[in-house]
PDB file of N, CA and C in Angstrom:
ATOM      1  N   MET A   1       0.819  -1.193   0.000  1.00  0.00           N
ATOM      2  CA  MET A   1       0.000   0.000   0.000  1.00  0.00           C
ATOM      3  C   MET A   1       0.865   1.259   0.000  1.00  0.00           C
ATOM      4  N   ALA A   2       1.953   1.271   0.812  1.00  0.00           N
ATOM      5  CA  ALA A   2       2.825   2.440   0.894  1.00  0.00           C
ATOM      6  C   ALA A   2       3.545   2.666  -0.432  1.00  0.00           C
ATOM      7  N   ALA A   3       3.937   1.595  -1.105  1.00  0.00           N
ATOM      8  CA  ALA A   3       4.619   1.712  -2.400  1.00  0.00           C
ATOM      9  C   ALA A   3       3.686   2.321  -3.434  1.00  0.00           C
ATOM     10  N   ARG A   4       2.407   1.963  -3.347  1.00  0.00           N
ATOM     11  CA  ARG A   4       1.436   2.484  -4.297  1.00  0.00           C
ATOM     12  C   ARG A   4       1.226   3.992  -4.107  1.00  0.00           C
ATOM     13  N   LYS A   5       1.166   4.447  -2.846  1.00  0.00           N
ATOM     14  CA  LYS A   5       1.007   5.876  -2.557  1.00  0.00           C
ATOM     15  C   LYS A   5       2.213   6.664  -3.053  1.00  0.00           C
ATOM     16  N   THR A   6       3.436   6.136  -2.858  1.00  0.00           N
ATOM     17  CA  THR A   6       4.651   6.809  -3.292  1.00  0.00           C
ATOM     18  C   THR A   6       4.678   6.951  -4.810  1.00  0.00           C
ATOM     19  N   ALA A   7       4.281   5.898  -5.499  1.00  0.00           N
ATOM     20  CA  ALA A   7       4.248   5.933  -6.958  1.00  0.00           C
ATOM     21  C   ALA A   7       3.235   6.958  -7.446  1.00  0.00           C
ATOM     22  N   THR A   8       2.103   7.031  -6.793  1.00  0.00           N
ATOM     23  CA  THR A   8       1.068   7.989  -7.171  1.00  0.00           C
ATOM     24  C   THR A   8       1.558   9.418  -6.948  1.00  0.00           C
ATOM     25  N   ARG A   9       2.228   9.662  -5.835  1.00  0.00           N
ATOM     26  CA  ARG A   9       2.760  11.002  -5.551  1.00  0.00           C
ATOM     27  C   ARG A   9       3.784  11.416  -6.601  1.00  0.00           C
ATOM     28  N   LYS A  10       4.687  10.503  -6.963  1.00  0.00           N
ATOM     29  CA  LYS A  10       5.711  10.812  -7.972  1.00  0.00           C
ATOM     30  C   LYS A  10       5.067  11.158  -9.303  1.00  0.00           C
ATOM     31  N   THR A  11       4.066  10.382  -9.692  1.00  0.00           N
ATOM     32  CA  THR A  11       3.364  10.643 -10.945  1.00  0.00           C
ATOM     33  C   THR A  11       2.670  11.997 -10.894  1.00  0.00           C
ATOM     34  N   ALA A  12       2.061  12.308  -9.768  1.00  0.00           N
ATOM     35  CA  ALA A  12       1.367  13.591  -9.616  1.00  0.00           C
ATOM     36  C   ALA A  12       2.362  14.746  -9.699  1.00  0.00           C
ATOM     37  N   ARG A  13       3.533  14.592  -9.073  1.00  0.00           N
ATOM     38  CA  ARG A  13       4.553  15.644  -9.129  1.00  0.00           C
ATOM     39  C   ARG A  13       5.054  15.856 -10.555  1.00  0.00           C
ATOM     40  N   LYS A  14       5.298  14.750 -11.265  1.00  0.00           N
ATOM     41  CA  LYS A  14       5.775  14.856 -12.646  1.00  0.00           C
ATOM     42  C   LYS A  14       4.745  15.566 -13.515  1.00  0.00           C
ATOM     43  N   THR A  15       3.491  15.207 -13.358  1.00  0.00           N
ATOM     44  CA  THR A  15       2.418  15.824 -14.132  1.00  0.00           C
ATOM     45  C   THR A  15       2.329  17.311 -13.821  1.00  0.00           C
ATOM     46  N   ALA A  16       2.440  17.668 -12.548  1.00  0.00           N
ATOM     47  CA  ALA A  16       2.374  19.076 -12.155  1.00  0.00           C
ATOM     48  C   ALA A  16       3.541  19.857 -12.753  1.00  0.00           C
ATOM     49  N   ARG A  17       4.717  19.269 -12.719  1.00  0.00           N
ATOM     50  CA  ARG A  17       5.887  19.948 -13.299  1.00  0.00           C
ATOM     51  C   ARG A  17       5.723  20.152 -14.799  1.00  0.00           C
ATOM     52  N   LYS A  18       5.217  19.122 -15.475  1.00  0.00           N
ATOM     53  CA  LYS A  18       5.039  19.227 -16.924  1.00  0.00           C
ATOM     54  C   LYS A  18       4.033  20.302 -17.285  1.00  0.00           C
ATOM     55  N   SER A  19       2.918  20.352 -16.566  1.00  0.00           N
ATOM     56  CA  SER A  19       1.897  21.355 -16.890  1.00  0.00           C
ATOM     57  C   SER A  19       2.393  22.756 -16.558  1.00  0.00           C
ATOM     58  N   ALA A  20       3.163  22.892 -15.497  1.00  0.00           N
ATOM     59  CA  ALA A  20       3.712  24.208 -15.143  1.00  0.00           C
ATOM     60  C   ALA A  20       4.702  24.665 -16.207  1.00  0.00           C
ATOM     61  N   ALA A  21       5.492  23.744 -16.708  1.00  0.00           N
ATOM     62  CA  ALA A  21       6.464  24.098 -17.743  1.00  0.00           C
ATOM     63  C   ALA A  21       5.771  24.485 -19.039  1.00  0.00           C
ATOM     64  N   ARG A  22       4.660  23.827 -19.335  1.00  0.00           N
ATOM     65  CA  ARG A  22       3.923  24.155 -20.554  1.00  0.00           C
ATOM     66  C   ARG A  22       3.301  25.537 -20.479  1.00  0.00           C
ATOM     67  N   THR A  23       2.792  25.905 -19.306  1.00  0.00           N
ATOM     68  CA  THR A  23       2.107  27.185 -19.183  1.00  0.00           C
ATOM     69  C   THR A  23       3.075  28.352 -19.022  1.00  0.00           C
ATOM     70  N   THR A  24       4.279  28.098 -18.544  1.00  0.00           N
ATOM     71  CA  THR A  24       5.225  29.172 -18.317  1.00  0.00           C
ATOM     72  C   THR A  24       5.997  29.461 -19.600  1.00  0.00           C
ATOM     73  N   SER A  25       5.838  30.660 -20.102  1.00  0.00           N
ATOM     74  CA  SER A  25       6.518  31.011 -21.345  1.00  0.00           C
ATOM     75  C   SER A  25       8.021  31.148 -21.139  1.00  0.00           C
ATOM     76  N   THR A  26       8.448  31.558 -19.951  1.00  0.00           N
ATOM     77  CA  THR A  26       9.891  31.682 -19.709  1.00  0.00           C
ATOM     78  C   THR A  26      10.564  30.324 -19.733  1.00  0.00           C
ATOM     79  N   ALA A  27       9.874  29.302 -19.263  1.00  0.00           N
ATOM     80  CA  ALA A  27      10.446  27.955 -19.307  1.00  0.00           C
ATOM     81  C   ALA A  27      10.648  27.526 -20.746  1.00  0.00           C
ATOM     82  N   ARG A  28       9.702  27.861 -21.604  1.00  0.00           N
ATOM     83  CA  ARG A  28       9.841  27.524 -23.022  1.00  0.00           C
ATOM     84  C   ARG A  28      11.025  28.251 -23.632  1.00  0.00           C
ATOM     85  N   ARG A  29      11.161  29.525 -23.309  1.00  0.00           N
ATOM     86  CA  ARG A  29      12.283  30.301 -23.861  1.00  0.00           C
ATOM     87  C   ARG A  29      13.616  29.737 -23.399  1.00  0.00           C
ATOM     88  N   LYS A  30      13.672  29.312 -22.140  1.00  0.00           N
ATOM     89  CA  LYS A  30      14.912  28.754 -21.624  1.00  0.00           C
ATOM     90  C   LYS A  30      15.280  27.472 -22.363  1.00  0.00           C
ATOM     91  N   ARG A  31      14.284  26.631 -22.627  1.00  0.00           N
ATOM     92  CA  ARG A  31      14.552  25.394 -23.347  1.00  0.00           C
ATOM     93  C   ARG A  31      15.042  25.688 -24.753  1.00  0.00           C
ATOM     94  N   VAL A  32      14.415  26.646 -25.434  1.00  0.00           N
ATOM     95  CA  VAL A  32      14.824  27.009 -26.788  1.00  0.00           C
ATOM     96  C   VAL A  32      16.221  27.608 -26.768  1.00  0.00           C
ATOM     97  N   ALA A  33      16.490  28.493 -25.822  1.00  0.00           N
ATOM     98  CA  ALA A  33      17.805  29.126 -25.736  1.00  0.00           C
ATOM     99  C   ALA A  33      18.882  28.089 -25.448  1.00  0.00           C
ATOM    100  N   LYS A  34      18.572  27.128 -24.621  1.00  0.00           N
ATOM    101  CA  LYS A  34      19.549  26.104 -24.290  1.00  0.00           C
ATOM    102  C   LYS A  34      19.909  25.280 -25.517  1.00  0.00           C
ATOM    103  N   LYS A  35      18.923  24.937 -26.338  1.00  0.00           N
ATOM    104  CA  LYS A  35      19.192  24.179 -27.557  1.00  0.00           C
ATOM    105  C   LYS A  35      20.057  24.987 -28.509  1.00  0.00           C
ATOM    106  N   ALA A  36      19.767  26.265 -28.687  1.00  0.00           N
ATOM    107  CA  ALA A  36      20.509  27.091 -29.630  1.00  0.00           C
ATOM    108  C   ALA A  36      21.968  27.225 -29.212  1.00  0.00           C
ATOM    109  N   THR A  37      22.220  27.390 -27.926  1.00  0.00           N
ATOM    110  CA  THR A  37      23.603  27.548 -27.498  1.00  0.00           C
ATOM    111  C   THR A  37      24.372  26.253 -27.612  1.00  0.00           C
ATOM    112  N   SER A  38      23.718  25.119 -27.400  1.00  0.00           N
ATOM    113  CA  SER A  38      24.443  23.862 -27.486  1.00  0.00           C
ATOM    114  C   SER A  38      24.794  23.532 -28.931  1.00  0.00           C
ATOM    115  N   LYS A  39      23.973  23.956 -29.884  1.00  0.00           N
ATOM    116  CA  LYS A  39      24.267  23.693 -31.286  1.00  0.00           C
ATOM    117  C   LYS A  39      25.380  24.608 -31.804  1.00  0.00           C
ATOM    118  N   ARG A  40      25.428  25.813 -31.315  1.00  0.00           N
ATOM    119  CA  ARG A  40      26.367  26.798 -31.848  1.00  0.00           C
ATOM    120  C   ARG A  40      27.400  27.205 -30.805  1.00  0.00           C
ATOM    121  N   TRP A  41      28.093  26.233 -30.258  1.00  0.00           N
ATOM    122  CA  TRP A  41      29.055  26.534 -29.216  1.00  0.00           C
ATOM    123  C   TRP A  41      30.208  27.371 -29.751  1.00  0.00           C
ATOM    124  N   SER A  42      30.553  27.203 -31.025  1.00  0.00           N
ATOM    125  CA  SER A  42      31.668  27.979 -31.567  1.00  0.00           C
ATOM    126  C   SER A  42      31.305  29.461 -31.673  1.00  0.00           C
ATOM    127  N   GLN A  43      30.031  29.745 -31.946  1.00  0.00           N
ATOM    128  CA  GLN A  43      29.588  31.139 -31.972  1.00  0.00           C
ATOM    129  C   GLN A  43      29.688  31.749 -30.583  1.00  0.00           C
ATOM    130  N   ARG A  44      29.313  30.960 -29.568  1.00  0.00           N
ATOM    131  CA  ARG A  44      29.406  31.445 -28.196  1.00  0.00           C
ATOM    132  C   ARG A  44      30.860  31.692 -27.808  1.00  0.00           C
ATOM    133  N   VAL A  45      31.755  30.824 -28.225  1.00  0.00           N
ATOM    134  CA  VAL A  45      33.175  30.988 -27.926  1.00  0.00           C
ATOM    135  C   VAL A  45      33.693  32.272 -28.566  1.00  0.00           C
ATOM    136  N   THR A  46      33.300  32.521 -29.812  1.00  0.00           N
ATOM    137  CA  THR A  46      33.739  33.728 -30.502  1.00  0.00           C
ATOM    138  C   THR A  46      33.291  34.984 -29.772  1.00  0.00           C
ATOM    139  N   LYS A  47      32.077  34.968 -29.244  1.00  0.00           N
ATOM    140  CA  LYS A  47      31.549  36.141 -28.550  1.00  0.00           C
ATOM    141  C   LYS A  47      32.081  36.291 -27.132  1.00  0.00           C
ATOM    142  N   GLU A  48      32.185  35.184 -26.401  1.00  0.00           N
ATOM    143  CA  GLU A  48      32.436  35.260 -24.972  1.00  0.00           C
ATOM    144  C   GLU A  48      33.833  34.840 -24.531  1.00  0.00           C
ATOM    145  N   SER A  49      34.687  34.463 -25.456  1.00  0.00           N
ATOM    146  CA  SER A  49      35.991  33.955 -25.033  1.00  0.00           C
ATOM    147  C   SER A  49      36.860  35.075 -24.475  1.00  0.00           C
ATOM    148  N   ASP A  50      37.918  34.676 -23.798  1.00  0.00           N
ATOM    149  CA  ASP A  50      38.841  35.657 -23.241  1.00  0.00           C
ATOM    150  C   ASP A  50      39.917  36.054 -24.234  1.00  0.00           C
ATOM    151  N   ALA A  51      39.770  35.672 -25.462  1.00  0.00           N
ATOM    152  CA  ALA A  51      40.799  35.983 -26.460  1.00  0.00           C
ATOM    153  C   ALA A  51      40.694  37.432 -26.921  1.00  0.00           C
ATOM    154  N   LEU A  52      39.575  37.817 -27.487  1.00  0.00           N
ATOM    155  CA  LEU A  52      39.441  39.158 -28.076  1.00  0.00           C
ATOM    156  C   LEU A  52      38.010  39.678 -27.980  1.00  0.00           C
ATOM    157  N   ASP A  53      37.885  40.986 -28.056  1.00  0.00           N
ATOM    158  CA  ASP A  53      36.597  41.637 -28.272  1.00  0.00           C
ATOM    159  C   ASP A  53      36.552  41.973 -29.749  1.00  0.00           C
ATOM    160  N   LEU A  54      35.863  41.171 -30.540  1.00  0.00           N
ATOM    161  CA  LEU A  54      35.889  41.327 -31.993  1.00  0.00           C
ATOM    162  C   LEU A  54      34.860  42.315 -32.496  1.00  0.00           C
ATOM    163  N   GLN A  55      35.207  42.966 -33.596  1.00  0.00           N
ATOM    164  CA  GLN A  55      34.267  43.825 -34.305  1.00  0.00           C
ATOM    165  C   GLN A  55      33.210  42.908 -34.923  1.00  0.00           C
ATOM    166  N   ARG A  56      31.974  43.345 -34.917  1.00  0.00           N
ATOM    167  CA  ARG A  56      30.890  42.524 -35.472  1.00  0.00           C
ATOM    168  C   ARG A  56      31.093  42.333 -36.975  1.00  0.00           C
ATOM    169  N   GLY A  57      31.027  41.090 -37.433  1.00  0.00           N
ATOM    170  CA  GLY A  57      31.148  40.783 -38.859  1.00  0.00           C
ATOM    171  C   GLY A  57      32.553  40.890 -39.411  1.00  0.00           C
ATOM    172  N   VAL A  58      33.555  40.792 -38.556  1.00  0.00           N
ATOM    173  CA  VAL A  58      34.933  40.983 -38.999  1.00  0.00           C
ATOM    174  C   VAL A  58      35.350  39.948 -40.039  1.00  0.00           C
ATOM    175  N   PHE A  59      34.876  38.727 -39.927  1.00  0.00           N
ATOM    176  CA  PHE A  59      35.294  37.682 -40.848  1.00  0.00           C
ATOM    177  C   PHE A  59      34.542  37.731 -42.169  1.00  0.00           C
ATOM    178  N   LYS A  60      33.566  38.602 -42.271  1.00  0.00           N
ATOM    179  CA  LYS A  60      32.804  38.754 -43.506  1.00  0.00           C
ATOM    180  C   LYS A  60      33.269  39.964 -44.324  1.00  0.00           C
ATOM    181  N   LEU A  61      34.276  40.676 -43.840  1.00  0.00           N
ATOM    182  CA  LEU A  61      34.783  41.839 -44.572  1.00  0.00           C
ATOM    183  C   LEU A  61      35.315  41.408 -45.938  1.00  0.00           C
ATOM    184  N   THR A  62      35.334  42.336 -46.892  1.00  0.00           N
ATOM    185  CA  THR A  62      35.669  41.994 -48.275  1.00  0.00           C
ATOM    186  C   THR A  62      37.163  41.954 -48.561  1.00  0.00           C
ATOM    187  N   SER A  63      37.965  42.517 -47.702  1.00  0.00           N
ATOM    188  CA  SER A  63      39.395  42.591 -47.951  1.00  0.00           C
ATOM    189  C   SER A  63      40.180  41.890 -46.847  1.00  0.00           C
ATOM    190  N   ALA A  64      41.207  41.147 -47.256  1.00  0.00           N
ATOM    191  CA  ALA A  64      42.069  40.476 -46.284  1.00  0.00           C
ATOM    192  C   ALA A  64      42.797  41.503 -45.418  1.00  0.00           C
ATOM    193  N   ARG A  65      43.158  42.626 -46.019  1.00  0.00           N
ATOM    194  CA  ARG A  65      43.849  43.689 -45.281  1.00  0.00           C
ATOM    195  C   ARG A  65      42.944  44.288 -44.209  1.00  0.00           C
ATOM    196  N   LYS A  66      41.648  44.475 -44.531  1.00  0.00           N
ATOM    197  CA  LYS A  66      40.698  45.014 -43.556  1.00  0.00           C
ATOM    198  C   LYS A  66      40.474  44.037 -42.407  1.00  0.00           C
ATOM    199  N   ILE A  67      40.393  42.757 -42.736  1.00  0.00           N
ATOM    200  CA  ILE A  67      40.214  41.728 -41.701  1.00  0.00           C
ATOM    201  C   ILE A  67      41.405  41.740 -40.755  1.00  0.00           C
ATOM    202  N   ALA A  68      42.608  41.762 -41.326  1.00  0.00           N
ATOM    203  CA  ALA A  68      43.823  41.760 -40.514  1.00  0.00           C
ATOM    204  C   ALA A  68      43.914  43.022 -39.661  1.00  0.00           C
ATOM    205  N   ALA A  69      43.567  44.170 -40.238  1.00  0.00           N
ATOM    206  CA  ALA A  69      43.625  45.429 -39.493  1.00  0.00           C
ATOM    207  C   ALA A  69      42.634  45.425 -38.330  1.00  0.00           C
ATOM    208  N   SER A  70      41.441  44.886 -38.565  1.00  0.00           N
ATOM    209  CA  SER A  70      40.436  44.820 -37.511  1.00  0.00           C
ATOM    210  C   SER A  70      40.867  43.875 -36.396  1.00  0.00           C
ATOM    211  N   LEU A  71      41.411  42.722 -36.764  1.00  0.00           N
ATOM    212  CA  LEU A  71      41.891  41.779 -35.758  1.00  0.00           C
ATOM    213  C   LEU A  71      43.045  42.366 -34.962  1.00  0.00           C
ATOM    214  N   LYS A  72      43.923  43.080 -35.647  1.00  0.00           N
ATOM    215  CA  LYS A  72      45.065  43.700 -34.959  1.00  0.00           C
ATOM    216  C   LYS A  72      44.576  44.741 -33.953  1.00  0.00           C
ATOM    217  N   ALA A  73      43.659  45.599 -34.391  1.00  0.00           N
ATOM    218  CA  ALA A  73      43.124  46.633 -33.502  1.00  0.00           C
ATOM    219  C   ALA A  73      42.409  46.005 -32.302  1.00  0.00           C
ATOM    220  N   SER A  74      41.627  44.969 -32.566  1.00  0.00           N
ATOM    221  CA  SER A  74      40.910  44.291 -31.477  1.00  0.00           C
ATOM    222  C   SER A  74      41.885  43.665 -30.490  1.00  0.00           C
ATOM    223  N   ALA A  75      42.927  43.039 -31.022  1.00  0.00           N
ATOM    224  CA  ALA A  75      43.903  42.366 -30.160  1.00  0.00           C
ATOM    225  C   ALA A  75      44.689  43.367 -29.312  1.00  0.00           C
ATOM    226  N   GLU A  76      45.041  44.485 -29.908  1.00  0.00           N
ATOM    227  CA  GLU A  76      45.830  45.478 -29.175  1.00  0.00           C
ATOM    228  C   GLU A  76      45.018  46.204 -28.112  1.00  0.00           C
ATOM    229  N   HIS A  77      43.717  46.341 -28.325  1.00  0.00           N
ATOM    230  CA  HIS A  77      42.883  47.079 -27.374  1.00  0.00           C
ATOM    231  C   HIS A  77      42.159  46.188 -26.373  1.00  0.00           C
ATOM    232  N   SER A  78      42.229  44.886 -26.586  1.00  0.00           N
ATOM    233  CA  SER A  78      41.513  43.970 -25.711  1.00  0.00           C
ATOM    234  C   SER A  78      42.193  43.861 -24.352  1.00  0.00           C
ATOM    235  N   THR A  79      41.374  43.881 -23.323  1.00  0.00           N
ATOM    236  CA  THR A  79      41.892  43.684 -21.967  1.00  0.00           C
ATOM    237  C   THR A  79      41.649  42.265 -21.488  1.00  0.00           C
ATOM    238  N   ARG A  80      40.992  41.453 -22.322  1.00  0.00           N
ATOM    239  CA  ARG A  80      40.641  40.093 -21.915  1.00  0.00           C
ATOM    240  C   ARG A  80      41.615  39.038 -22.442  1.00  0.00           C
ATOM    241  N   ARG A  81      42.549  39.411 -23.271  1.00  0.00           N
ATOM    242  CA  ARG A  81      43.430  38.391 -23.847  1.00  0.00           C
ATOM    243  C   ARG A  81      44.477  37.953 -22.836  1.00  0.00           C
ATOM    244  N   LYS A  82      44.906  36.697 -23.000  1.00  0.00           N
ATOM    245  CA  LYS A  82      45.853  36.125 -22.057  1.00  0.00           C
ATOM    246  C   LYS A  82      47.269  36.061 -22.611  1.00  0.00           C
ATOM    247  N   SER A  83      47.423  36.121 -23.929  1.00  0.00           N
ATOM    248  CA  SER A  83      48.757  36.068 -24.531  1.00  0.00           C
ATOM    249  C   SER A  83      48.986  37.334 -25.338  1.00  0.00           C
ATOM    250  N   GLY A  84      50.017  37.345 -26.166  1.00  0.00           N
ATOM    251  CA  GLY A  84      50.346  38.519 -26.960  1.00  0.00           C
ATOM    252  C   GLY A  84      49.271  38.842 -27.988  1.00  0.00           C
ATOM    253  N   ALA A  85      49.319  40.062 -28.501  1.00  0.00           N
ATOM    254  CA  ALA A  85      48.302  40.526 -29.439  1.00  0.00           C
ATOM    255  C   ALA A  85      48.322  39.714 -30.738  1.00  0.00           C
ATOM    256  N   TYR A  86      49.524  39.477 -31.280  1.00  0.00           N
ATOM    257  CA  TYR A  86      49.630  38.724 -32.537  1.00  0.00           C
ATOM    258  C   TYR A  86      49.080  37.313 -32.366  1.00  0.00           C
ATOM    259  N   ARG A  87      49.480  36.672 -31.305  1.00  0.00           N
ATOM    260  CA  ARG A  87      49.049  35.291 -31.057  1.00  0.00           C
ATOM    261  C   ARG A  87      47.535  35.202 -30.884  1.00  0.00           C
ATOM    262  N   SER A  88      46.953  36.142 -30.168  1.00  0.00           N
ATOM    263  CA  SER A  88      45.508  36.143 -29.968  1.00  0.00           C
ATOM    264  C   SER A  88      44.753  36.363 -31.267  1.00  0.00           C
ATOM    265  N   ALA A  89      45.221  37.323 -32.061  1.00  0.00           N
ATOM    266  CA  ALA A  89      44.557  37.621 -33.331  1.00  0.00           C
ATOM    267  C   ALA A  89      44.643  36.435 -34.281  1.00  0.00           C
ATOM    268  N   LEU A  90      45.820  35.846 -34.388  1.00  0.00           N
ATOM    269  CA  LEU A  90      46.002  34.708 -35.283  1.00  0.00           C
ATOM    270  C   LEU A  90      45.199  33.501 -34.818  1.00  0.00           C
ATOM    271  N   SER A  91      45.156  33.273 -33.518  1.00  0.00           N
ATOM    272  CA  SER A  91      44.412  32.114 -33.019  1.00  0.00           C
ATOM    273  C   SER A  91      42.917  32.279 -33.250  1.00  0.00           C
ATOM    274  N   MET A  92      42.388  33.489 -33.140  1.00  0.00           N
ATOM    275  CA  MET A  92      40.965  33.707 -33.389  1.00  0.00           C
ATOM    276  C   MET A  92      40.640  33.505 -34.865  1.00  0.00           C
ATOM    277  N   LEU A  93      41.526  33.948 -35.733  1.00  0.00           N
ATOM    278  CA  LEU A  93      41.344  33.770 -37.172  1.00  0.00           C
ATOM    279  C   LEU A  93      41.397  32.279 -37.533  1.00  0.00           C
ATOM    280  N   THR A  94      42.352  31.574 -37.003  1.00  0.00           N
ATOM    281  CA  THR A  94      42.485  30.138 -37.256  1.00  0.00           C
ATOM    282  C   THR A  94      41.287  29.376 -36.690  1.00  0.00           C
ATOM    283  N   PHE A  95      40.840  29.768 -35.518  1.00  0.00           N
ATOM    284  CA  PHE A  95      39.672  29.142 -34.900  1.00  0.00           C
ATOM    285  C   PHE A  95      38.458  29.268 -35.818  1.00  0.00           C
ATOM    286  N   TYR A  96      38.246  30.452 -36.362  1.00  0.00           N
ATOM    287  CA  TYR A  96      37.098  30.674 -37.243  1.00  0.00           C
ATOM    288  C   TYR A  96      37.190  29.806 -38.493  1.00  0.00           C
ATOM    289  N   ILE A  97      38.360  29.754 -39.100  1.00  0.00           N
ATOM    290  CA  ILE A  97      38.557  28.950 -40.310  1.00  0.00           C
ATOM    291  C   ILE A  97      38.319  27.467 -40.020  1.00  0.00           C
ATOM    292  N   ASN A  98      38.885  26.981 -38.925  1.00  0.00           N
ATOM    293  CA  ASN A  98      38.751  25.565 -38.585  1.00  0.00           C
ATOM    294  C   ASN A  98      37.308  25.185 -38.257  1.00  0.00           C
ATOM    295  N   ARG A  99      36.603  26.037 -37.525  1.00  0.00           N
ATOM    296  CA  ARG A  99      35.234  25.715 -37.142  1.00  0.00           C
ATOM    297  C   ARG A  99      34.285  25.767 -38.326  1.00  0.00           C
ATOM    298  N   ALA A 100      34.565  26.629 -39.299  1.00  0.00           N
ATOM    299  CA  ALA A 100      33.700  26.701 -40.481  1.00  0.00           C
ATOM    300  C   ALA A 100      33.837  25.434 -41.310  1.00  0.00           C
ATOM    301  N   GLY A 101      35.041  24.877 -41.351  1.00  0.00           N
ATOM    302  CA  GLY A 101      35.267  23.609 -42.029  1.00  0.00           C
ATOM    303  C   GLY A 101      34.914  23.640 -43.503  1.00  0.00           C
ATOM    304  N   LYS A 102      34.230  22.593 -43.942  1.00  0.00           N
ATOM    305  CA  LYS A 102      33.901  22.435 -45.364  1.00  0.00           C
ATOM    306  C   LYS A 102      32.813  23.397 -45.817  1.00  0.00           C
ATOM    307  N   THR A 103      32.065  23.963 -44.886  1.00  0.00           N
ATOM    308  CA  THR A 103      30.977  24.861 -45.272  1.00  0.00           C
ATOM    309  C   THR A 103      31.466  26.241 -45.681  1.00  0.00           C
ATOM    310  N   LEU A 104      32.719  26.559 -45.392  1.00  0.00           N
ATOM    311  CA  LEU A 104      33.274  27.865 -45.745  1.00  0.00           C
ATOM    312  C   LEU A 104      33.544  27.912 -47.248  1.00  0.00           C
ATOM    313  N   PRO A 105      32.974  28.886 -47.962  1.00  0.00           N
ATOM    314  CA  PRO A 105      33.209  28.982 -49.406  1.00  0.00           C
ATOM    315  C   PRO A 105      34.701  29.190 -49.710  1.00  0.00           C
ATOM    316  N   LYS A 106      35.134  28.674 -50.863  1.00  0.00           N
ATOM    317  CA  LYS A 106      36.551  28.740 -51.221  1.00  0.00           C
ATOM    318  C   LYS A 106      37.053  30.181 -51.305  1.00  0.00           C
ATOM    319  N   THR A 107      36.220  31.087 -51.818  1.00  0.00           N
ATOM    320  CA  THR A 107      36.644  32.480 -51.925  1.00  0.00           C
ATOM    321  C   THR A 107      36.890  33.091 -50.558  1.00  0.00           C
ATOM    322  N   GLN A 108      35.986  32.802 -49.625  1.00  0.00           N
ATOM    323  CA  GLN A 108      36.152  33.348 -48.275  1.00  0.00           C
ATOM    324  C   GLN A 108      37.330  32.695 -47.562  1.00  0.00           C
ATOM    325  N   ARG A 109      37.508  31.386 -47.768  1.00  0.00           N
ATOM    326  CA  ARG A 109      38.632  30.685 -47.154  1.00  0.00           C
ATOM    327  C   ARG A 109      39.950  31.275 -47.639  1.00  0.00           C
ATOM    328  N   SER A 110      40.070  31.509 -48.944  1.00  0.00           N
ATOM    329  CA  SER A 110      41.319  32.072 -49.477  1.00  0.00           C
ATOM    330  C   SER A 110      41.537  33.494 -48.948  1.00  0.00           C
ATOM    331  N   ARG A 111      40.439  34.259 -48.796  1.00  0.00           N
ATOM    332  CA  ARG A 111      40.549  35.609 -48.244  1.00  0.00           C
ATOM    333  C   ARG A 111      41.051  35.558 -46.800  1.00  0.00           C
ATOM    334  N   LEU A 112      40.551  34.614 -46.030  1.00  0.00           N
ATOM    335  CA  LEU A 112      40.977  34.490 -44.634  1.00  0.00           C
ATOM    336  C   LEU A 112      42.413  33.978 -44.533  1.00  0.00           C
ATOM    337  N   GLU A 113      42.806  33.110 -45.446  1.00  0.00           N
ATOM    338  CA  GLU A 113      44.203  32.652 -45.468  1.00  0.00           C
ATOM    339  C   GLU A 113      45.136  33.809 -45.828  1.00  0.00           C
ATOM    340  N   ARG A 114      44.708  34.667 -46.758  1.00  0.00           N
ATOM    341  CA  ARG A 114      45.492  35.868 -47.087  1.00  0.00           C
ATOM    342  C   ARG A 114      45.535  36.820 -45.901  1.00  0.00           C
ATOM    343  N   ALA A 115      44.461  36.856 -45.121  1.00  0.00           N
ATOM    344  CA  ALA A 115      44.411  37.708 -43.926  1.00  0.00           C
ATOM    345  C   ALA A 115      45.450  37.252 -42.908  1.00  0.00           C
ATOM    346  N   LYS A 116      45.719  35.953 -42.842  1.00  0.00           N
ATOM    347  CA  LYS A 116      46.775  35.445 -41.952  1.00  0.00           C
ATOM    348  C   LYS A 116      48.128  36.029 -42.339  1.00  0.00           C
ATOM    349  N   VAL A 117      48.410  35.992 -43.636  1.00  0.00           N
ATOM    350  CA  VAL A 117      49.680  36.533 -44.134  1.00  0.00           C
ATOM    351  C   VAL A 117      49.747  38.034 -43.878  1.00  0.00           C
ATOM    352  N   GLU A 118      48.642  38.720 -44.147  1.00  0.00           N
ATOM    353  CA  GLU A 118      48.582  40.174 -43.923  1.00  0.00           C
ATOM    354  C   GLU A 118      48.750  40.520 -42.451  1.00  0.00           C
ATOM    355  N   LEU A 119      48.193  39.715 -41.583  1.00  0.00           N
ATOM    356  CA  LEU A 119      48.319  39.912 -40.148  1.00  0.00           C
ATOM    357  C   LEU A 119      49.787  39.812 -39.738  1.00  0.00           C
ATOM    358  N   LYS A 120      50.466  38.851 -40.315  1.00  0.00           N
ATOM    359  CA  LYS A 120      51.899  38.670 -40.065  1.00  0.00           C
ATOM    360  C   LYS A 120      52.675  39.916 -40.480  1.00  0.00           C
ATOM    361  N   HIS A 121      52.333  40.454 -41.649  1.00  0.00           N
ATOM    362  CA  HIS A 121      53.003  41.671 -42.130  1.00  0.00           C
ATOM    363  C   HIS A 121      52.702  42.863 -41.224  1.00  0.00           C
ATOM    364  N   GLN A 122      51.455  43.022 -40.818  1.00  0.00           N
ATOM    365  CA  GLN A 122      51.082  44.168 -39.990  1.00  0.00           C
ATOM    366  C   GLN A 122      51.734  44.136 -38.612  1.00  0.00           C
ATOM    367  N   PHE A 123      51.988  42.957 -38.107  1.00  0.00           N
ATOM    368  CA  PHE A 123      52.674  42.850 -36.825  1.00  0.00           C
ATOM    369  C   PHE A 123      54.201  42.828 -36.985  1.00  0.00           C
ATOM    370  N   GLY A 124      54.668  42.919 -38.222  1.00  0.00           N
ATOM    371  CA  GLY A 124      56.107  42.956 -38.478  1.00  0.00           C
ATOM    372  C   GLY A 124      56.799  41.644 -38.228  1.00  0.00           C
ATOM    373  N   ARG A 125      56.138  40.554 -38.506  1.00  0.00           N
ATOM    374  CA  ARG A 125      56.710  39.225 -38.292  1.00  0.00           C
ATOM    375  C   ARG A 125      56.993  38.550 -39.626  1.00  0.00           C
ATOM    376  N   ASP A 126      57.678  39.219 -40.487  1.00  0.00           N
ATOM    377  CA  ASP A 126      57.971  38.687 -41.837  1.00  0.00           C
ATOM    378  C   ASP A 126      58.995  37.597 -41.816  1.00  0.00           C
TER     379      ASP A 126
END
């Protein structure tokens, strides 16, 4: 008899939790937000990492020189980076290229690879 009452209570609690979650719009938003962040962890790393404070859309710029200049400026002005400015800028650029993988168009990939070389020149590491 006691086992039956315990099982009934557990079922009642589960049902109450489910109905409360369905009616609460914030619970729904939290579930949706949690899914989005787990799918796009690399985007979260780009935004929240301690490497750099990046300009919005820096990797979509049309010129390799502009990309390198933006990364250099971000690296030099960032207070969150843990290593040197050149190393931080290059690692963020490499991270973006690696995470994009096969989905990165060839034109953009070549532009970002040229940005690596340009970054080297701008930091005087020829």
